[in-house]
Amino acid sequence: MLALPIKFIKDAAKSVKRICEQEFTKVADSVLTELLGISSLVVTMFTLRREDDKDVLHLMCAHRRNIAICPKCGAFTDSVHEEKKRCVRHLDIWGKKTFLHFLSRRFKCSDCGKQFTEELDFVDQLRRQSLDFEMHIYRLCLSDNRKDVANREELSQSTVKGIFLRYAKMRINPAHTKRCPRVLGIDEISLKKRHRQFALVLSDIERKCILDILPERSKEALEKWLDRFHEHERKSIRYVSIDMWQPYYHAVRGMLPKAEVVVDRFHVVKHLNERITVIRRKYQRDAPKEIAEVLKGSRWILVRNRKDLSSKDEQKLKQILEACPELRTIYLLKEEFRFIFERAKDRDKAEKYLRVWKLRAKYTGNSFLLKFVKTLENWWNEILNYFFEMITNGFVEGLNGAIRSIIRRAFGYGNFENFRYQVMAEQNFPTNTR
């Protein structure tokens, strides 16, 4: 009769019962011990089995030392009270799934009589994977979604998830995340498209690392996060970079009265570009057909920095500005506004330039541009605070891009805490070392 194919077992604990010692071959040299790389084990026997469609290597191992240290009195003992077969999954050897078989030993202390299970340097108690293999899985989860990792490594998804969360919680440095920054970045990120569900991202702009991510972007959530710091710690926050959202501003003013609020320059320019887009749409809608054709496909040409335009786009821009004098005036004002932020080196000079710019913008009489001028006036001091140290939310925006890639990779998260640990593990550094 044909032998039934052997099924690959994902759970290492079950492999103990599915393999007998007669299947093993004694090791003739120390090659496998050296490849194993665990100083406390010696490979004594091995077997290579075909399980499902893959080759699986099973290694029978012996302990190098026959003594243990009593956790109660600290004495050495060699009195073995009980032995039990144990199997754990290890890193692949020669590209083959590898399992380690050894005896889990309980000792009895000769001095105080305490019975205890020995602590092993390559695997934690009650774990079914070696420490090296768990770290391998954790690192894979930092760049891939857990389902793909589970399929590739022949593990259950729950096992991969458990390993990742265990190491993420252990390796995120609490002292690092609880340290008050000098420059605090505050921004939000959308968790789901068209659902108005936002998370609040808090970062240290100087050290370029994430501090925390909160499940909502409310004023109360931000105040609660700031409140966990002592008053003297909060005084060390000198600058807070935000976009133009009132709840952030009021939370910062209430909790950090000594900090300077800086409105991110890129959000300011973004608001101006949005006004330009509205003006261009109205102009295109009301203009004669020949001018409307010239404006067709001009959205990004008008809002992009002129120095970044290709020669083809530059030619297109010249056609637009010649055909639309009113749009030309507004476009030049936009470029002048950007130029002020790039060239002004101190707050006083920047304020003089912006006052002149504001008068010229008002002189156009364009209702859409006047809305931006109103926004500029409402946030005047906070926008000018940029020129103290040229602080921007550029790092925060890059961080948001990385977080979006995490969401896309996992096709969304149902549990916010799991999402938070994933973000903190990938973006938070330095981490604890084991």
Protein backbone atom coordinates (compact mmCIF):
# COMPACT_ATOMS: atom_id res chain seq x y z
CA MET A 1 0.00 0.00 0.00
CA LEU A 2 1.12 3.56 -0.74
CA ALA A 3 2.10 5.59 2.31
CA LEU A 4 -0.12 8.56 3.01
CA PRO A 5 1.63 11.94 2.51
CA ILE A 6 2.80 13.62 5.72
CA LYS A 7 1.05 16.90 6.42
CA PHE A 8 3.12 19.93 7.43
CA ILE A 9 2.26 20.99 10.97
CA LYS A 10 2.34 24.73 11.66
CA ASP A 11 2.16 24.27 15.43
CA ALA A 12 5.58 23.21 16.68
CA ALA A 13 4.10 21.72 19.87
CA LYS A 14 2.18 19.15 17.83
CA SER A 15 5.33 18.07 15.97
CA VAL A 16 6.55 16.33 19.14
CA LYS A 17 3.74 13.77 18.84
CA ARG A 18 3.99 13.34 15.06
CA ILE A 19 7.61 12.25 14.82
CA CYS A 20 9.43 9.33 16.49
CA GLU A 21 13.08 9.00 17.43
CA GLN A 22 13.58 6.10 14.97
CA GLU A 23 13.24 8.55 12.07
CA PHE A 24 16.36 10.46 13.15
CA THR A 25 19.92 9.89 11.99
CA LYS A 26 22.89 10.53 14.25
CA VAL A 27 24.98 13.56 13.36
CA ALA A 28 28.49 12.69 12.20
CA ASP A 29 30.07 16.14 12.61
CA SER A 30 29.43 19.60 14.12
CA VAL A 31 28.20 21.33 10.93
CA LEU A 32 24.53 21.42 11.98
CA THR A 33 25.47 22.66 15.46
CA GLU A 34 27.44 25.52 13.90
CA LEU A 35 24.62 26.32 11.47
CA LEU A 36 22.13 26.32 14.35
CA GLY A 37 24.10 29.06 16.10
CA ILE A 38 22.67 28.46 19.59
CA SER A 39 25.50 28.26 22.14
CA SER A 40 23.52 26.27 24.70
CA LEU A 41 22.51 23.43 22.32
CA VAL A 42 24.32 20.65 20.48
CA VAL A 43 22.69 18.88 17.52
CA THR A 44 22.85 15.12 18.10
CA MET A 45 20.45 13.79 15.43
CA PHE A 46 18.50 15.03 12.43
CA THR A 47 15.89 13.98 9.94
CA LEU A 48 14.77 15.57 6.68
CA ARG A 49 11.13 14.83 5.94
CA ARG A 50 8.85 15.65 3.03
CA GLU A 51 5.80 17.30 4.53
CA ASP A 52 3.15 18.39 2.04
CA ASP A 53 5.19 19.96 -0.80
CA LYS A 54 8.18 21.12 1.24
CA ASP A 55 11.30 19.68 2.86
CA VAL A 56 11.29 20.09 6.64
CA LEU A 57 14.40 19.70 8.80
CA HIS A 58 13.99 18.35 12.32
CA LEU A 59 16.97 18.62 14.67
CA MET A 60 17.27 16.63 17.88
CA CYS A 61 19.31 18.70 20.33
CA ALA A 62 20.99 18.19 23.69
CA HIS A 63 21.79 20.81 26.33
CA ARG A 64 25.47 21.69 26.73
CA ARG A 65 25.05 22.33 30.45
CA ASN A 66 23.44 20.07 33.01
CA ILE A 67 23.10 22.68 35.74
CA ALA A 68 20.71 25.55 36.43
CA ILE A 69 20.50 28.49 38.81
CA CYS A 70 17.74 28.49 41.41
CA PRO A 71 15.61 31.68 41.00
CA LYS A 72 14.86 31.70 44.74
CA CYS A 73 18.26 31.34 46.45
CA GLY A 74 20.66 31.68 43.51
CA ALA A 75 22.37 28.34 44.13
CA PHE A 76 23.56 26.02 41.35
CA THR A 77 21.85 22.66 41.06
CA ASP A 78 22.19 19.63 38.79
CA SER A 79 19.23 17.73 40.25
CA VAL A 80 16.75 17.20 37.40
CA HIS A 81 13.26 16.70 38.78
CA GLU A 82 11.35 16.20 35.50
CA GLU A 83 11.98 16.13 31.73
CA LYS A 84 9.46 16.71 28.98
CA LYS A 85 9.83 16.65 25.20
CA ARG A 86 9.55 20.05 23.60
CA CYS A 87 9.69 21.36 20.02
CA VAL A 88 10.04 24.92 18.73
CA ARG A 89 10.21 26.48 15.27
CA HIS A 90 13.57 28.03 14.35
CA LEU A 91 15.08 30.00 11.48
CA ASP A 92 15.32 28.10 8.20
CA ILE A 93 18.52 26.15 7.58
CA TRP A 94 19.52 25.53 3.95
CA GLY A 95 16.19 27.10 2.95
CA LYS A 96 14.21 24.39 4.78
CA LYS A 97 11.64 24.85 7.52
CA THR A 98 13.48 23.91 10.73
CA PHE A 99 12.21 22.55 14.04
CA LEU A 100 14.26 22.01 17.18
CA HIS A 101 13.50 19.05 19.46
CA PHE A 102 14.93 19.05 22.98
CA LEU A 103 14.05 18.23 26.57
CA SER A 104 12.40 20.87 28.73
CA ARG A 105 13.80 20.30 32.21
CA ARG A 106 12.54 21.06 35.69
CA PHE A 107 15.19 21.18 38.40
CA LYS A 108 14.97 20.83 42.16
CA CYS A 109 17.26 23.06 44.19
CA SER A 110 19.46 21.07 46.56
CA ASP A 111 19.68 23.99 49.02
CA CYS A 112 16.13 25.37 49.36
CA GLY A 113 14.14 22.58 47.74
CA LYS A 114 12.38 24.82 45.21
CA GLN A 115 11.29 23.19 41.96
CA PHE A 116 11.64 25.34 38.85
CA THR A 117 11.76 25.20 35.05
CA GLU A 118 15.13 26.28 33.68
CA GLU A 119 15.32 29.52 31.72
CA LEU A 120 16.66 29.05 28.20
CA ASP A 121 18.56 31.70 26.28
CA PHE A 122 17.06 30.83 22.89
CA VAL A 123 13.33 30.56 23.69
CA ASP A 124 10.95 32.01 26.26
CA GLN A 125 8.77 29.82 28.43
CA LEU A 126 5.54 28.58 26.84
CA ARG A 127 6.61 29.95 23.42
CA ARG A 128 6.54 27.73 20.32
CA GLN A 129 9.10 29.68 18.31
CA SER A 130 12.71 30.50 19.12
CA LEU A 131 13.65 34.10 19.93
CA ASP A 132 15.57 34.40 16.66
CA PHE A 133 12.59 33.17 14.67
CA GLU A 134 10.20 35.50 16.49
CA MET A 135 12.48 38.47 15.75
CA HIS A 136 12.57 37.35 12.10
CA ILE A 137 8.74 37.39 11.98
CA TYR A 138 8.60 40.77 13.74
CA ARG A 139 10.95 42.36 11.21
CA LEU A 140 9.00 40.92 8.30
CA CYS A 141 5.82 42.47 9.72
CA LEU A 142 7.48 45.89 9.65
CA SER A 143 7.53 45.85 5.85
CA ASP A 144 4.75 43.46 4.85
CA ASN A 145 1.19 42.69 5.89
CA ARG A 146 0.74 39.92 8.43
CA LYS A 147 -1.36 37.69 6.19
CA ASP A 148 1.41 37.48 3.58
CA VAL A 149 3.99 36.84 6.29
CA ALA A 150 1.85 34.02 7.72
CA ASN A 151 1.42 32.39 4.29
CA ARG A 152 5.10 32.72 3.39
CA GLU A 153 6.37 31.36 6.71
CA GLU A 154 3.69 28.65 7.06
CA LEU A 155 2.22 30.04 10.27
CA SER A 156 -1.29 30.89 11.36
CA GLN A 157 -2.27 34.54 11.14
CA SER A 158 -3.04 34.60 14.87
CA THR A 159 0.51 33.39 15.64
CA VAL A 160 2.07 36.12 13.46
CA LYS A 161 -0.18 38.76 14.99
CA GLY A 162 0.69 37.61 18.51
CA ILE A 163 4.43 37.70 17.83
CA PHE A 164 4.28 41.14 16.26
CA LEU A 165 2.19 42.74 19.03
CA ARG A 166 4.33 41.13 21.72
CA TYR A 167 7.56 42.55 20.29
CA ALA A 168 6.02 45.88 19.33
CA LYS A 169 4.86 46.47 22.91
CA MET A 170 8.21 45.34 24.26
CA ARG A 171 10.45 47.31 21.89
CA ILE A 172 8.71 50.69 21.78
CA ASN A 173 10.71 52.78 24.20
CA PRO A 174 8.34 54.38 26.78
CA ALA A 175 10.95 56.96 27.81
CA HIS A 176 11.30 57.95 24.18
CA THR A 177 7.57 58.48 23.60
CA LYS A 178 7.01 60.25 26.94
CA ARG A 179 9.82 62.75 26.48
CA CYS A 180 8.59 66.29 25.88
CA PRO A 181 9.82 67.64 22.53
CA ARG A 182 11.09 71.17 21.97
CA VAL A 183 9.23 71.36 18.64
CA LEU A 184 5.90 69.51 18.61
CA GLY A 185 4.21 68.66 15.32
CA ILE A 186 0.43 68.17 15.24
CA ASP A 187 -1.45 66.87 12.22
CA GLU A 188 -4.25 64.47 11.36
CA ILE A 189 -4.57 61.61 8.92
CA SER A 190 -7.69 60.11 7.38
CA LEU A 191 -8.12 56.44 8.31
CA LYS A 192 -10.90 55.74 5.83
CA LYS A 193 -11.80 57.55 2.64
CA ARG A 194 -15.15 59.35 2.68
CA HIS A 195 -15.79 58.34 6.31
CA ARG A 196 -14.50 61.51 8.04
CA GLN A 197 -12.59 59.25 10.43
CA PHE A 198 -9.32 60.87 11.49
CA ALA A 199 -6.41 59.96 13.73
CA LEU A 200 -4.25 62.59 15.43
CA VAL A 201 -0.52 62.24 14.75
CA LEU A 202 1.89 63.79 17.26
CA SER A 203 5.58 63.98 16.40
CA ASP A 204 8.91 65.42 17.47
CA ILE A 205 9.98 67.53 14.49
CA GLU A 206 13.56 68.06 15.71
CA ARG A 207 14.29 64.39 16.40
CA LYS A 208 12.15 63.37 13.39
CA CYS A 209 10.13 60.66 15.11
CA ILE A 210 6.54 59.94 16.02
CA LEU A 211 5.48 60.45 19.64
CA ASP A 212 1.98 59.02 19.56
CA ILE A 213 -1.10 58.52 17.43
CA LEU A 214 -4.56 59.13 18.92
CA PRO A 215 -7.89 57.70 17.69
CA GLU A 216 -9.52 61.13 17.28
CA ARG A 217 -8.42 64.65 16.40
CA SER A 218 -10.53 66.50 18.96
CA LYS A 219 -9.42 69.31 21.25
CA GLU A 220 -10.17 67.10 24.26
CA ALA A 221 -7.97 64.25 22.97
CA LEU A 222 -5.03 66.61 22.44
CA GLU A 223 -5.48 68.22 25.87
CA LYS A 224 -5.60 64.80 27.53
CA TRP A 225 -2.36 63.78 25.81
CA LEU A 226 -0.60 67.00 26.85
CA ASP A 227 -1.93 66.68 30.39
CA ARG A 228 0.10 63.53 31.03
CA PHE A 229 3.23 65.72 31.15
CA HIS A 230 4.07 67.71 34.26
CA GLU A 231 3.75 71.49 34.04
CA HIS A 232 7.53 71.99 34.06
CA GLU A 233 7.84 69.45 31.22
CA ARG A 234 5.25 71.26 29.13
CA LYS A 235 7.25 74.47 29.51
CA SER A 236 10.08 72.82 27.54
CA ILE A 237 7.86 72.80 24.41
CA ARG A 238 8.92 76.01 22.63
CA TYR A 239 7.14 75.65 19.29
CA VAL A 240 4.03 73.82 18.09
CA SER A 241 3.51 73.40 14.36
CA ILE A 242 -0.12 73.02 13.28
CA ASP A 243 -2.36 73.50 10.28
CA MET A 244 -5.09 76.12 10.44
CA TRP A 245 -7.57 74.17 12.55
CA GLN A 246 -9.08 75.98 15.52
CA PRO A 247 -9.34 73.01 18.00
CA TYR A 248 -5.56 72.46 17.81
CA TYR A 249 -4.91 76.15 18.39
CA HIS A 250 -7.22 76.41 21.41
CA ALA A 251 -5.84 73.20 22.99
CA VAL A 252 -2.26 74.46 22.62
CA ARG A 253 -3.07 77.94 23.93
CA GLY A 254 -4.78 76.43 26.97
CA MET A 255 -2.16 73.80 27.81
CA LEU A 256 1.02 75.45 26.49
CA PRO A 257 0.66 79.21 27.07
CA LYS A 258 4.43 79.78 26.71
CA ALA A 259 4.80 77.96 23.39
CA GLU A 260 4.82 79.75 20.03
CA VAL A 261 2.21 78.41 17.62
CA VAL A 262 3.54 78.07 14.07
CA VAL A 263 1.15 77.61 11.17
CA ASP A 264 2.83 75.34 8.67
CA ARG A 265 3.87 77.34 5.58
CA PHE A 266 2.92 74.51 3.23
CA HIS A 267 -0.67 74.57 4.52
CA VAL A 268 -0.74 78.34 3.96
CA VAL A 269 0.48 77.96 0.37
CA LYS A 270 -1.98 75.11 -0.10
CA HIS A 271 -4.85 77.44 0.85
CA LEU A 272 -3.61 79.99 -1.65
CA ASN A 273 -3.34 77.32 -4.36
CA GLU A 274 -6.92 76.26 -3.64
CA ARG A 275 -8.03 79.87 -4.23
CA ILE A 276 -6.06 79.91 -7.50
CA THR A 277 -7.82 76.71 -8.58
CA VAL A 278 -11.27 78.19 -7.82
CA ILE A 279 -10.39 81.35 -9.79
CA ARG A 280 -9.11 79.29 -12.70
CA ARG A 281 -12.30 77.18 -12.80
CA LYS A 282 -14.53 80.27 -12.82
CA TYR A 283 -12.40 81.92 -15.49
CA GLN A 284 -12.47 78.75 -17.59
CA ARG A 285 -16.24 78.42 -17.19
CA ASP A 286 -16.99 82.02 -18.19
CA ALA A 287 -14.25 82.56 -20.80
CA PRO A 288 -14.77 82.33 -24.58
CA LYS A 289 -14.22 78.92 -26.14
CA GLU A 290 -10.73 79.66 -27.50
CA ILE A 291 -9.49 80.81 -24.06
CA ALA A 292 -11.21 77.89 -22.34
CA GLU A 293 -9.21 75.57 -24.64
CA VAL A 294 -5.98 77.25 -23.58
CA LEU A 295 -6.90 76.76 -19.89
CA LYS A 296 -7.76 73.09 -20.38
CA GLY A 297 -5.41 70.86 -18.36
CA SER A 298 -3.75 73.81 -16.61
CA ARG A 299 -4.57 72.97 -12.99
CA TRP A 300 -1.17 71.65 -11.90
CA ILE A 301 0.77 74.08 -14.09
CA LEU A 302 -0.75 77.03 -12.21
CA VAL A 303 -0.28 75.69 -8.66
CA ARG A 304 3.14 74.07 -9.06
CA ASN A 305 6.25 76.09 -8.24
CA ARG A 306 7.45 77.76 -11.43
CA LYS A 307 11.02 76.60 -10.92
CA ASP A 308 9.78 72.98 -10.99
CA LEU A 309 8.01 73.26 -14.37
CA SER A 310 9.37 71.39 -17.39
CA SER A 311 10.13 73.31 -20.60
CA LYS A 312 6.85 72.01 -22.08
CA ASP A 313 4.86 73.19 -19.06
CA GLU A 314 6.64 76.56 -19.17
CA GLN A 315 5.47 77.09 -22.74
CA LYS A 316 1.93 76.16 -21.77
CA LEU A 317 2.08 78.60 -18.83
CA LYS A 318 3.15 81.47 -21.09
CA GLN A 319 0.15 80.82 -23.36
CA ILE A 320 -2.21 80.87 -20.36
CA LEU A 321 -0.80 84.10 -18.88
CA GLU A 322 -0.90 85.88 -22.26
CA ALA A 323 -4.51 84.79 -22.88
CA CYS A 324 -5.77 85.60 -19.35
CA PRO A 325 -4.44 88.94 -17.95
CA GLU A 326 -6.49 88.70 -14.75
CA LEU A 327 -5.21 85.19 -14.07
CA ARG A 328 -1.69 86.41 -14.84
CA THR A 329 -1.90 89.02 -12.06
CA ILE A 330 -3.09 86.47 -9.51
CA TYR A 331 -0.52 83.88 -10.59
CA LEU A 332 2.34 86.38 -10.16
CA LEU A 333 1.01 87.25 -6.71
CA LYS A 334 1.07 83.54 -5.85
CA GLU A 335 4.69 83.23 -6.95
CA GLU A 336 5.62 86.39 -5.04
CA PHE A 337 4.00 84.98 -1.90
CA ARG A 338 6.04 81.79 -2.19
CA PHE A 339 9.17 83.84 -2.87
CA ILE A 340 8.73 85.73 0.43
CA PHE A 341 8.76 82.46 2.40
CA GLU A 342 11.83 81.22 0.57
CA ARG A 343 13.95 84.38 0.76
CA ALA A 344 12.96 86.29 3.90
CA LYS A 345 15.34 85.40 6.73
CA ASP A 346 13.75 87.11 9.74
CA ARG A 347 10.28 87.87 11.04
CA ASP A 348 10.42 91.69 10.74
CA LYS A 349 11.40 91.69 7.07
CA ALA A 350 8.87 88.97 6.27
CA GLU A 351 6.11 91.01 7.96
CA LYS A 352 6.96 94.10 5.84
CA TYR A 353 6.92 92.07 2.63
CA LEU A 354 3.64 90.34 3.54
CA ARG A 355 1.94 93.65 4.38
CA VAL A 356 2.84 94.97 0.93
CA TRP A 357 1.68 91.70 -0.64
CA LYS A 358 -1.62 91.90 1.24
CA LEU A 359 -2.29 95.41 -0.09
CA ARG A 360 -1.59 94.33 -3.65
CA ALA A 361 -3.87 91.31 -3.26
CA LYS A 362 -6.69 93.51 -1.93
CA TYR A 363 -6.17 95.93 -4.81
CA THR A 364 -7.11 93.17 -7.32
CA GLY A 365 -10.65 93.14 -5.88
CA ASN A 366 -10.94 89.42 -6.59
CA SER A 367 -13.45 88.00 -4.11
CA PHE A 368 -11.80 84.57 -4.05
CA LEU A 369 -8.36 86.01 -3.37
CA LEU A 370 -9.83 88.28 -0.67
CA LYS A 371 -10.99 85.15 1.19
CA PHE A 372 -7.38 84.02 1.38
CA VAL A 373 -6.34 87.48 2.58
CA LYS A 374 -8.91 87.14 5.36
CA THR A 375 -7.42 83.78 6.36
CA LEU A 376 -3.95 85.35 6.28
CA GLU A 377 -5.10 88.12 8.64
CA ASN A 378 -6.79 85.67 11.03
CA TRP A 379 -3.58 83.67 11.43
CA TRP A 380 -1.14 86.56 10.95
CA ASN A 381 1.12 86.09 14.00
CA GLU A 382 1.10 82.29 13.78
CA ILE A 383 2.10 82.41 10.10
CA LEU A 384 4.89 84.91 10.81
CA ASN A 385 6.19 82.69 13.63
CA TYR A 386 7.56 80.45 10.89
CA PHE A 387 10.37 82.95 10.39
CA PHE A 388 11.74 82.44 13.93
CA GLU A 389 13.30 79.06 13.13
CA MET A 390 11.80 78.15 9.72
CA ILE A 391 9.80 75.33 11.32
CA THR A 392 7.53 73.35 8.99
CA ASN A 393 5.39 70.23 9.10
CA GLY A 394 7.40 68.71 6.24
CA PHE A 395 8.50 65.75 8.35
CA VAL A 396 4.93 65.27 9.61
CA GLU A 397 3.57 65.17 6.04
CA GLY A 398 6.21 62.59 5.13
CA LEU A 399 5.23 60.61 8.22
CA ASN A 400 1.57 60.74 7.14
CA GLY A 401 2.59 59.31 3.77
CA ALA A 402 4.31 56.40 5.52
CA ILE A 403 1.21 55.81 7.68
CA ARG A 404 -1.02 55.77 4.59
CA SER A 405 1.19 53.09 3.06
CA ILE A 406 0.74 51.02 6.26
CA ILE A 407 -3.04 51.34 5.95
CA ARG A 408 -2.98 50.38 2.25
CA ARG A 409 -0.68 47.43 2.89
CA ALA A 410 -3.05 45.97 5.48
CA PHE A 411 -6.21 46.96 3.52
CA GLY A 412 -7.32 48.91 6.59
CA TYR A 413 -7.45 48.14 10.32
CA GLY A 414 -10.49 47.15 12.35
CA ASN A 415 -8.70 47.55 15.69
CA PHE A 416 -7.13 50.95 16.34
CA GLU A 417 -4.67 49.66 18.97
CA ASN A 418 -3.25 47.14 16.49
CA PHE A 419 -2.90 49.96 13.97
CA ARG A 420 -1.21 52.17 16.55
CA TYR A 421 1.34 49.50 17.46
CA GLN A 422 2.09 48.92 13.77
CA VAL A 423 2.71 52.63 13.19
CA MET A 424 4.74 53.10 16.37
CA ALA A 425 6.87 50.02 15.66
CA GLU A 426 7.65 51.08 12.09
CA GLN A 427 8.13 54.80 12.65
CA ASN A 428 9.26 55.13 16.27
CA PHE A 429 13.00 55.04 16.92
CA PRO A 430 15.26 54.38 18.70
CA THR A 431 13.73 51.16 20.10
CA ASN A 432 14.57 49.14 23.14
CA THR A 433 17.07 46.37 22.67
CA ARG A 434 16.38 43.02 24.17
